[in-house]
Amino acid sequence: MLMIKSRKDYKYYLECDKIALGISRKYPMPIVDIIWKFERLLRKYEYYKNCSKTIFGKIYLIFLKIHYFTLSRKLGFSIPANVFGPGLSIAHYGTIVVNSTARVGKNCRIQEGTNIGSTNGSSKAATIGDNVFIGTGAKIIGDVKIGNNVCIGAGAVVTKSFGENITVGGGASEKNFI
């Protein structure tokens, strides 16, 4: 499982996210870069959650958690820590709901209105590979496995596992490939 385990990992995740968002400047601009600010805060929260051992680090973690959840609510995101690998690119703010048991690999591009959740009383959510695009309004429900290099189209409802290098359209089942 990918996760920030050191300061080096933290810096790597920040750089990968910045590249995925297509940003070349060093620091976020006020108002303009709200999603980049959110992603930076997510990574800082993950770093302190996973690595802080001192009392000051644990106190700072409480501050980060409050700030993170406040900004999450403002943007409409419900994204738990340690779900997305490096290279996360959130296209727009708007409702994005992700179950804490979901695992998403490197270089995921996710659009607004998406949901990655569990179902039928199960606590397990999707495991999604690297280089995956999740379109506007897509729903990925249940303990499904999505391979690498997959494009999940806008409005798709994914309830079954898929292999690599495919595009999945709306109402996705094994018969609905584009």
Protein backbone atom coordinates (compact mmCIF):
# COMPACT_ATOMS: atom_id res chain seq x y z
CA MET A 1 0.00 0.00 0.00
CA LEU A 2 1.33 3.43 -0.95
CA MET A 3 1.59 5.80 1.95
CA ILE A 4 3.74 8.68 3.15
CA LYS A 5 6.22 7.19 5.61
CA SER A 6 9.00 9.79 5.66
CA ARG A 7 9.77 13.43 4.88
CA LYS A 8 11.28 12.26 1.58
CA ASP A 9 7.98 10.55 0.68
CA TYR A 10 6.09 13.70 1.67
CA LYS A 11 8.19 15.86 -0.67
CA TYR A 12 7.81 13.26 -3.46
CA TYR A 13 4.01 13.21 -3.13
CA LEU A 14 3.88 17.02 -3.17
CA GLU A 15 5.98 17.18 -6.34
CA CYS A 16 3.98 14.45 -8.10
CA ASP A 17 0.68 16.17 -7.23
CA LYS A 18 2.01 19.50 -8.51
CA ILE A 19 3.05 17.91 -11.81
CA ALA A 20 -0.31 16.10 -12.12
CA LEU A 21 -2.13 19.40 -11.66
CA GLY A 22 0.04 20.98 -14.38
CA ILE A 23 1.43 23.66 -12.08
CA SER A 24 4.89 25.12 -12.60
CA ARG A 25 5.05 27.87 -9.95
CA LYS A 26 6.61 27.16 -6.58
CA TYR A 27 3.73 28.18 -4.27
CA PRO A 28 -0.07 28.34 -4.59
CA MET A 29 -1.70 31.65 -5.47
CA PRO A 30 -4.52 32.88 -3.23
CA ILE A 31 -8.03 31.97 -4.45
CA VAL A 32 -6.77 30.61 -7.81
CA ASP A 33 -5.06 27.48 -6.46
CA ILE A 34 -7.62 26.29 -3.90
CA ILE A 35 -7.47 22.66 -5.08
CA TRP A 36 -3.67 22.67 -5.00
CA LYS A 37 -3.85 24.10 -1.47
CA PHE A 38 -6.24 21.31 -0.53
CA GLU A 39 -3.92 18.63 -1.95
CA ARG A 40 -0.91 20.14 -0.16
CA LEU A 41 -2.89 20.16 3.09
CA LEU A 42 -3.96 16.53 2.48
CA ARG A 43 -0.33 15.46 2.07
CA LYS A 44 0.81 17.42 5.14
CA TYR A 45 -2.01 15.87 7.18
CA GLU A 46 -1.02 12.39 5.94
CA TYR A 47 2.64 13.05 6.76
CA TYR A 48 1.95 14.15 10.33
CA LYS A 49 -0.66 11.42 10.85
CA ASN A 50 1.79 8.72 9.74
CA CYS A 51 5.08 10.12 11.02
CA SER A 52 4.63 12.47 13.98
CA LYS A 53 6.14 11.04 17.13
CA THR A 54 6.75 14.08 19.30
CA ILE A 55 4.16 15.79 21.46
CA PHE A 56 4.48 18.94 19.34
CA GLY A 57 3.89 16.90 16.19
CA LYS A 58 0.76 15.36 17.70
CA ILE A 59 -0.55 18.79 18.74
CA TYR A 60 0.16 20.15 15.26
CA LEU A 61 -1.67 17.12 13.82
CA ILE A 62 -4.83 18.20 15.69
CA PHE A 63 -4.56 21.67 14.14
CA LEU A 64 -4.00 20.15 10.67
CA LYS A 65 -6.97 17.81 11.09
CA ILE A 66 -9.31 20.70 11.94
CA HIS A 67 -7.99 22.80 9.05
CA TYR A 68 -8.18 19.82 6.66
CA PHE A 69 -11.77 18.95 7.50
CA THR A 70 -12.84 22.61 7.34
CA LEU A 71 -11.38 23.01 3.83
CA SER A 72 -12.79 19.60 2.80
CA ARG A 73 -16.30 20.70 3.76
CA LYS A 74 -15.88 24.01 1.97
CA LEU A 75 -14.86 22.28 -1.29
CA GLY A 76 -17.33 19.38 -1.00
CA PHE A 77 -14.63 16.71 -0.61
CA SER A 78 -14.82 13.70 1.68
CA ILE A 79 -11.39 12.24 1.06
CA PRO A 80 -9.76 10.37 3.95
CA ALA A 81 -6.00 10.31 4.51
CA ASN A 82 -3.83 7.60 2.94
CA VAL A 83 -6.18 6.65 0.10
CA PHE A 84 -4.55 8.23 -2.98
CA GLY A 85 -1.02 7.58 -4.20
CA PRO A 86 1.28 10.30 -5.54
CA GLY A 87 0.18 12.31 -8.57
CA LEU A 88 -3.39 13.02 -7.47
CA SER A 89 -5.17 15.50 -9.72
CA ILE A 90 -8.57 16.78 -8.62
CA ALA A 91 -10.04 18.56 -11.63
CA HIS A 92 -12.72 20.72 -9.97
CA TYR A 93 -14.13 21.29 -6.55
CA GLY A 94 -17.53 19.75 -5.95
CA THR A 95 -18.78 16.60 -4.31
CA ILE A 96 -16.18 13.84 -4.16
CA VAL A 97 -16.83 11.06 -1.65
CA VAL A 98 -14.25 8.34 -1.04
CA ASN A 99 -14.48 5.47 1.45
CA SER A 100 -11.54 5.19 3.85
CA THR A 101 -10.92 1.57 2.79
CA ALA A 102 -10.47 2.50 -0.89
CA ARG A 103 -6.93 2.39 -2.27
CA VAL A 104 -5.98 4.35 -5.37
CA GLY A 105 -2.60 4.11 -7.09
CA LYS A 106 -0.35 6.73 -8.67
CA ASN A 107 -1.50 9.43 -11.09
CA CYS A 108 -5.25 9.40 -10.56
CA ARG A 109 -7.31 12.17 -12.16
CA ILE A 110 -10.68 12.50 -10.47
CA GLN A 111 -13.58 14.73 -11.49
CA GLU A 112 -16.39 16.22 -9.40
CA GLY A 113 -19.53 14.31 -8.49
CA THR A 114 -17.70 11.02 -8.02
CA ASN A 115 -18.15 8.38 -5.35
CA ILE A 116 -15.88 5.49 -4.41
CA GLY A 117 -17.71 3.51 -1.77
CA SER A 118 -18.64 0.19 -0.25
CA THR A 119 -21.99 -1.58 -0.42
CA ASN A 120 -24.22 -4.30 1.03
CA GLY A 121 -22.92 -3.89 4.56
CA SER A 122 -19.35 -4.59 3.46
CA SER A 123 -16.68 -2.29 4.76
CA LYS A 124 -14.40 -2.82 1.73
CA ALA A 125 -14.24 -0.36 -1.14
CA ALA A 126 -12.41 -0.39 -4.48
CA THR A 127 -8.75 -0.97 -5.17
CA ILE A 128 -7.80 1.16 -8.16
CA GLY A 129 -4.53 0.92 -10.10
CA ASP A 130 -2.15 3.53 -11.49
CA ASN A 131 -2.91 6.10 -14.21
CA VAL A 132 -6.68 6.01 -13.83
CA PHE A 133 -9.10 8.72 -14.97
CA ILE A 134 -12.44 8.89 -13.13
CA GLY A 135 -14.98 11.01 -15.01
CA THR A 136 -17.64 13.38 -13.73
CA GLY A 137 -20.38 11.65 -11.76
CA ALA A 138 -18.77 8.20 -11.88
CA LYS A 139 -19.64 5.79 -9.09
CA ILE A 140 -17.34 2.92 -8.14
CA ILE A 141 -19.21 0.76 -5.68
CA GLY A 142 -18.09 -2.26 -3.71
CA ASP A 143 -14.94 -4.32 -3.31
CA VAL A 144 -13.93 -4.12 -6.99
CA LYS A 145 -10.47 -4.15 -8.55
CA ILE A 146 -9.72 -1.66 -11.32
CA GLY A 147 -6.47 -2.22 -13.25
CA ASN A 148 -3.86 0.27 -14.44
CA ASN A 149 -4.43 2.70 -17.32
CA VAL A 150 -8.23 2.66 -17.09
CA CYS A 151 -10.58 5.47 -18.08
CA ILE A 152 -13.92 5.45 -16.28
CA GLY A 153 -16.32 7.63 -18.25
CA ALA A 154 -18.65 10.31 -16.94
CA GLY A 155 -21.71 8.87 -15.24
CA ALA A 156 -20.40 5.30 -15.21
CA VAL A 157 -21.58 3.02 -12.42
CA VAL A 158 -18.87 0.42 -11.82
CA THR A 159 -19.86 -2.61 -9.74
CA LYS A 160 -17.55 -5.23 -11.30
CA SER A 161 -13.78 -5.54 -11.53
CA PHE A 162 -11.88 -4.60 -14.72
CA GLY A 163 -8.43 -5.34 -16.07
CA GLU A 164 -5.89 -2.94 -17.50
CA ASN A 165 -5.80 -0.58 -20.49
CA ILE A 166 -9.53 -0.15 -21.08
CA THR A 167 -12.19 2.53 -21.14
CA VAL A 168 -15.39 1.91 -19.21
CA GLY A 169 -18.58 3.76 -20.20
CA GLY A 170 -21.85 4.51 -18.41
CA GLY A 171 -23.63 1.59 -16.74
CA ALA A 172 -20.39 -0.37 -16.75
CA SER A 173 -20.63 -4.13 -16.82
CA GLU A 174 -18.44 -6.61 -18.64
CA LYS A 175 -20.44 -5.93 -21.85
CA ASN A 176 -20.21 -2.14 -21.83
CA PHE A 177 -16.73 -1.28 -23.08
CA ILE A 178 -16.10 1.67 -25.33
